[in-house]
Amino acid sequence: MSGTQLTVTLSGGGADDARAVVRALEGTFGAPDEVPADENATVHMATFDGGRDASPASDAGAERLSAPVTVTVQGAPEAVRRASDTLTRAFTARDDGAASGDQEQERQLLLVP
């Protein structure tokens, strides 16, 4: 996993909520490999390759969620920090903890409407 690659797993809410979270991260990481689309899925995933070095998106376009969404971000520590910072600016968030490995970190956030 490169230093900017980030994997995002989302549960709770619906596909629209998952897409809102992914759009919030696009300003920081660029477009994901795939946008959550399956309306019947209970878990959504997106991977960002981080091919662009964008500055964090402003809060101006922040979207509202229809339900609480649990977001797990996994990647290099810097990518996880940037994702956490972006999401806590865009949504009301509670940090539910982190786990660190040799080269990767994982952080879980609860985003609430």
C-alpha atoms as a PDB file:
ATOM      1  CA  MET A   1       0.000   0.000   0.000  1.00  0.00           C
ATOM      2  CA  SER A   2       1.486   3.307  -1.057  1.00  0.00           C
ATOM      3  CA  GLY A   3       1.868   6.216   1.331  1.00  0.00           C
ATOM      4  CA  THR A   4      -1.265   7.890  -0.011  1.00  0.00           C
ATOM      5  CA  GLN A   5      -3.538   4.908  -0.698  1.00  0.00           C
ATOM      6  CA  LEU A   6      -6.574   4.795   1.564  1.00  0.00           C
ATOM      7  CA  THR A   7      -9.280   2.158   1.975  1.00  0.00           C
ATOM      8  CA  VAL A   8     -12.618   3.343   3.361  1.00  0.00           C
ATOM      9  CA  THR A   9     -15.304   0.984   4.677  1.00  0.00           C
ATOM     10  CA  LEU A  10     -18.726   2.436   5.478  1.00  0.00           C
ATOM     11  CA  SER A  11     -21.645   0.837   7.310  1.00  0.00           C
ATOM     12  CA  GLY A  12     -24.941   2.240   8.485  1.00  0.00           C
ATOM     13  CA  GLY A  13     -26.985   4.667   6.463  1.00  0.00           C
ATOM     14  CA  GLY A  14     -27.605   3.984   2.804  1.00  0.00           C
ATOM     15  CA  ALA A  15     -25.804   4.317  -0.498  1.00  0.00           C
ATOM     16  CA  ASP A  16     -26.540   8.081  -0.574  1.00  0.00           C
ATOM     17  CA  ASP A  17     -24.820   8.494   2.803  1.00  0.00           C
ATOM     18  CA  ALA A  18     -21.828   6.442   1.612  1.00  0.00           C
ATOM     19  CA  ARG A  19     -21.566   8.573  -1.520  1.00  0.00           C
ATOM     20  CA  ALA A  20     -21.678  11.756   0.594  1.00  0.00           C
ATOM     21  CA  VAL A  21     -18.738  10.523   2.689  1.00  0.00           C
ATOM     22  CA  VAL A  22     -16.770   9.519  -0.418  1.00  0.00           C
ATOM     23  CA  ARG A  23     -17.420  12.926  -2.029  1.00  0.00           C
ATOM     24  CA  ALA A  24     -16.106  14.625   1.115  1.00  0.00           C
ATOM     25  CA  LEU A  25     -12.833  12.701   0.743  1.00  0.00           C
ATOM     26  CA  GLU A  26     -12.411  13.419  -2.982  1.00  0.00           C
ATOM     27  CA  GLY A  27     -11.093  16.931  -2.328  1.00  0.00           C
ATOM     28  CA  THR A  28      -8.222  15.456  -0.367  1.00  0.00           C
ATOM     29  CA  PHE A  29      -7.531  12.177  -2.195  1.00  0.00           C
ATOM     30  CA  GLY A  30      -8.973  12.592  -5.706  1.00  0.00           C
ATOM     31  CA  ALA A  31     -11.546  10.274  -7.226  1.00  0.00           C
ATOM     32  CA  PRO A  32     -11.975   6.797  -5.693  1.00  0.00           C
ATOM     33  CA  ASP A  33     -11.693   3.585  -7.674  1.00  0.00           C
ATOM     34  CA  GLU A  34     -15.487   3.238  -7.525  1.00  0.00           C
ATOM     35  CA  VAL A  35     -18.349   5.215  -6.015  1.00  0.00           C
ATOM     36  CA  PRO A  36     -20.753   3.237  -3.769  1.00  0.00           C
ATOM     37  CA  ALA A  37     -23.792   2.396  -5.876  1.00  0.00           C
ATOM     38  CA  ASP A  38     -25.546  -0.744  -4.585  1.00  0.00           C
ATOM     39  CA  GLU A  39     -28.685   0.507  -2.850  1.00  0.00           C
ATOM     40  CA  ASN A  40     -29.152  -2.882  -1.116  1.00  0.00           C
ATOM     41  CA  ALA A  41     -25.650  -3.199   0.330  1.00  0.00           C
ATOM     42  CA  THR A  42     -25.175  -2.822   4.078  1.00  0.00           C
ATOM     43  CA  VAL A  43     -21.428  -2.191   3.771  1.00  0.00           C
ATOM     44  CA  HIS A  44     -19.805   0.048   1.153  1.00  0.00           C
ATOM     45  CA  MET A  45     -16.127   0.356   0.263  1.00  0.00           C
ATOM     46  CA  ALA A  46     -13.986   2.790  -1.681  1.00  0.00           C
ATOM     47  CA  THR A  47     -10.267   2.890  -2.332  1.00  0.00           C
ATOM     48  CA  PHE A  48      -8.411   6.101  -3.040  1.00  0.00           C
ATOM     49  CA  ASP A  49      -5.023   5.846  -4.724  1.00  0.00           C
ATOM     50  CA  GLY A  50      -4.140   9.355  -3.648  1.00  0.00           C
ATOM     51  CA  GLY A  51      -2.653  10.147  -7.022  1.00  0.00           C
ATOM     52  CA  ARG A  52      -3.237  13.837  -6.457  1.00  0.00           C
ATOM     53  CA  ASP A  53      -1.917  16.071  -3.741  1.00  0.00           C
ATOM     54  CA  ALA A  54      -5.001  18.208  -3.167  1.00  0.00           C
ATOM     55  CA  SER A  55      -5.683  20.466  -0.273  1.00  0.00           C
ATOM     56  CA  PRO A  56      -8.588  19.460   1.967  1.00  0.00           C
ATOM     57  CA  ALA A  57     -12.023  20.399   0.689  1.00  0.00           C
ATOM     58  CA  SER A  58     -13.799  23.264   2.398  1.00  0.00           C
ATOM     59  CA  ASP A  59     -16.856  22.710   4.555  1.00  0.00           C
ATOM     60  CA  ALA A  60     -18.989  24.821   2.189  1.00  0.00           C
ATOM     61  CA  GLY A  61     -20.292  21.832   0.231  1.00  0.00           C
ATOM     62  CA  ALA A  62     -20.733  19.495   3.166  1.00  0.00           C
ATOM     63  CA  GLU A  63     -23.715  17.208   2.821  1.00  0.00           C
ATOM     64  CA  ARG A  64     -26.052  15.980   5.510  1.00  0.00           C
ATOM     65  CA  LEU A  65     -26.351  12.330   6.370  1.00  0.00           C
ATOM     66  CA  SER A  66     -29.718  10.607   6.767  1.00  0.00           C
ATOM     67  CA  ALA A  67     -28.450   8.196   9.449  1.00  0.00           C
ATOM     68  CA  PRO A  68     -25.321   7.521  11.502  1.00  0.00           C
ATOM     69  CA  VAL A  69     -22.476   6.054   9.430  1.00  0.00           C
ATOM     70  CA  THR A  70     -19.534   4.109  10.823  1.00  0.00           C
ATOM     71  CA  VAL A  71     -16.431   4.817   8.759  1.00  0.00           C
ATOM     72  CA  THR A  72     -13.216   2.831   8.986  1.00  0.00           C
ATOM     73  CA  VAL A  73     -10.224   4.340   7.197  1.00  0.00           C
ATOM     74  CA  GLN A  74      -7.106   2.258   6.670  1.00  0.00           C
ATOM     75  CA  GLY A  75      -3.775   3.167   5.118  1.00  0.00           C
ATOM     76  CA  ALA A  76      -0.504   4.914   5.807  1.00  0.00           C
ATOM     77  CA  PRO A  77      -0.614   6.994   9.009  1.00  0.00           C
ATOM     78  CA  GLU A  78      -0.501  10.308   7.089  1.00  0.00           C
ATOM     79  CA  ALA A  79      -3.369   9.257   4.783  1.00  0.00           C
ATOM     80  CA  VAL A  80      -5.467   8.141   7.760  1.00  0.00           C
ATOM     81  CA  ARG A  81      -4.789  11.429   9.554  1.00  0.00           C
ATOM     82  CA  ARG A  82      -5.758  13.456   6.468  1.00  0.00           C
ATOM     83  CA  ALA A  83      -8.945  11.424   5.993  1.00  0.00           C
ATOM     84  CA  SER A  84      -9.906  11.789   9.669  1.00  0.00           C
ATOM     85  CA  ASP A  85      -9.285  15.545   9.555  1.00  0.00           C
ATOM     86  CA  THR A  86     -11.357  15.899   6.378  1.00  0.00           C
ATOM     87  CA  LEU A  87     -14.285  13.894   7.741  1.00  0.00           C
ATOM     88  CA  THR A  88     -14.358  15.676  11.105  1.00  0.00           C
ATOM     89  CA  ARG A  89     -14.509  19.026   9.278  1.00  0.00           C
ATOM     90  CA  ALA A  90     -17.269  17.869   6.915  1.00  0.00           C
ATOM     91  CA  PHE A  91     -19.495  16.002   9.398  1.00  0.00           C
ATOM     92  CA  THR A  92     -20.255  15.760  13.089  1.00  0.00           C
ATOM     93  CA  ALA A  93     -17.922  12.934  14.078  1.00  0.00           C
ATOM     94  CA  ARG A  94     -16.944  10.873  17.088  1.00  0.00           C
ATOM     95  CA  ASP A  95     -13.548   9.169  17.107  1.00  0.00           C
ATOM     96  CA  ASP A  96     -14.106   5.523  18.022  1.00  0.00           C
ATOM     97  CA  GLY A  97     -10.431   4.594  18.179  1.00  0.00           C
ATOM     98  CA  ALA A  98      -7.395   3.630  16.184  1.00  0.00           C
ATOM     99  CA  ALA A  99      -5.070   0.694  15.713  1.00  0.00           C
ATOM    100  CA  SER A 100      -1.544   0.915  14.377  1.00  0.00           C
ATOM    101  CA  GLY A 101       0.618  -1.625  12.639  1.00  0.00           C
ATOM    102  CA  ASP A 102       4.158  -1.455  11.302  1.00  0.00           C
ATOM    103  CA  GLN A 103       3.275   0.568   8.215  1.00  0.00           C
ATOM    104  CA  GLU A 104      -0.482   1.040   8.344  1.00  0.00           C
ATOM    105  CA  GLN A 105      -3.002   2.593  10.641  1.00  0.00           C
ATOM    106  CA  GLU A 106      -6.729   2.090  11.008  1.00  0.00           C
ATOM    107  CA  ARG A 107      -9.161   4.594  12.515  1.00  0.00           C
ATOM    108  CA  GLN A 108     -12.884   4.282  13.112  1.00  0.00           C
ATOM    109  CA  LEU A 109     -15.213   7.289  13.163  1.00  0.00           C
ATOM    110  CA  LEU A 110     -18.935   7.536  13.777  1.00  0.00           C
ATOM    111  CA  LEU A 111     -20.475  10.251  11.608  1.00  0.00           C
ATOM    112  CA  VAL A 112     -23.891  11.456  12.743  1.00  0.00           C
ATOM    113  CA  PRO A 113     -26.552  13.534  10.985  1.00  0.00           C
END
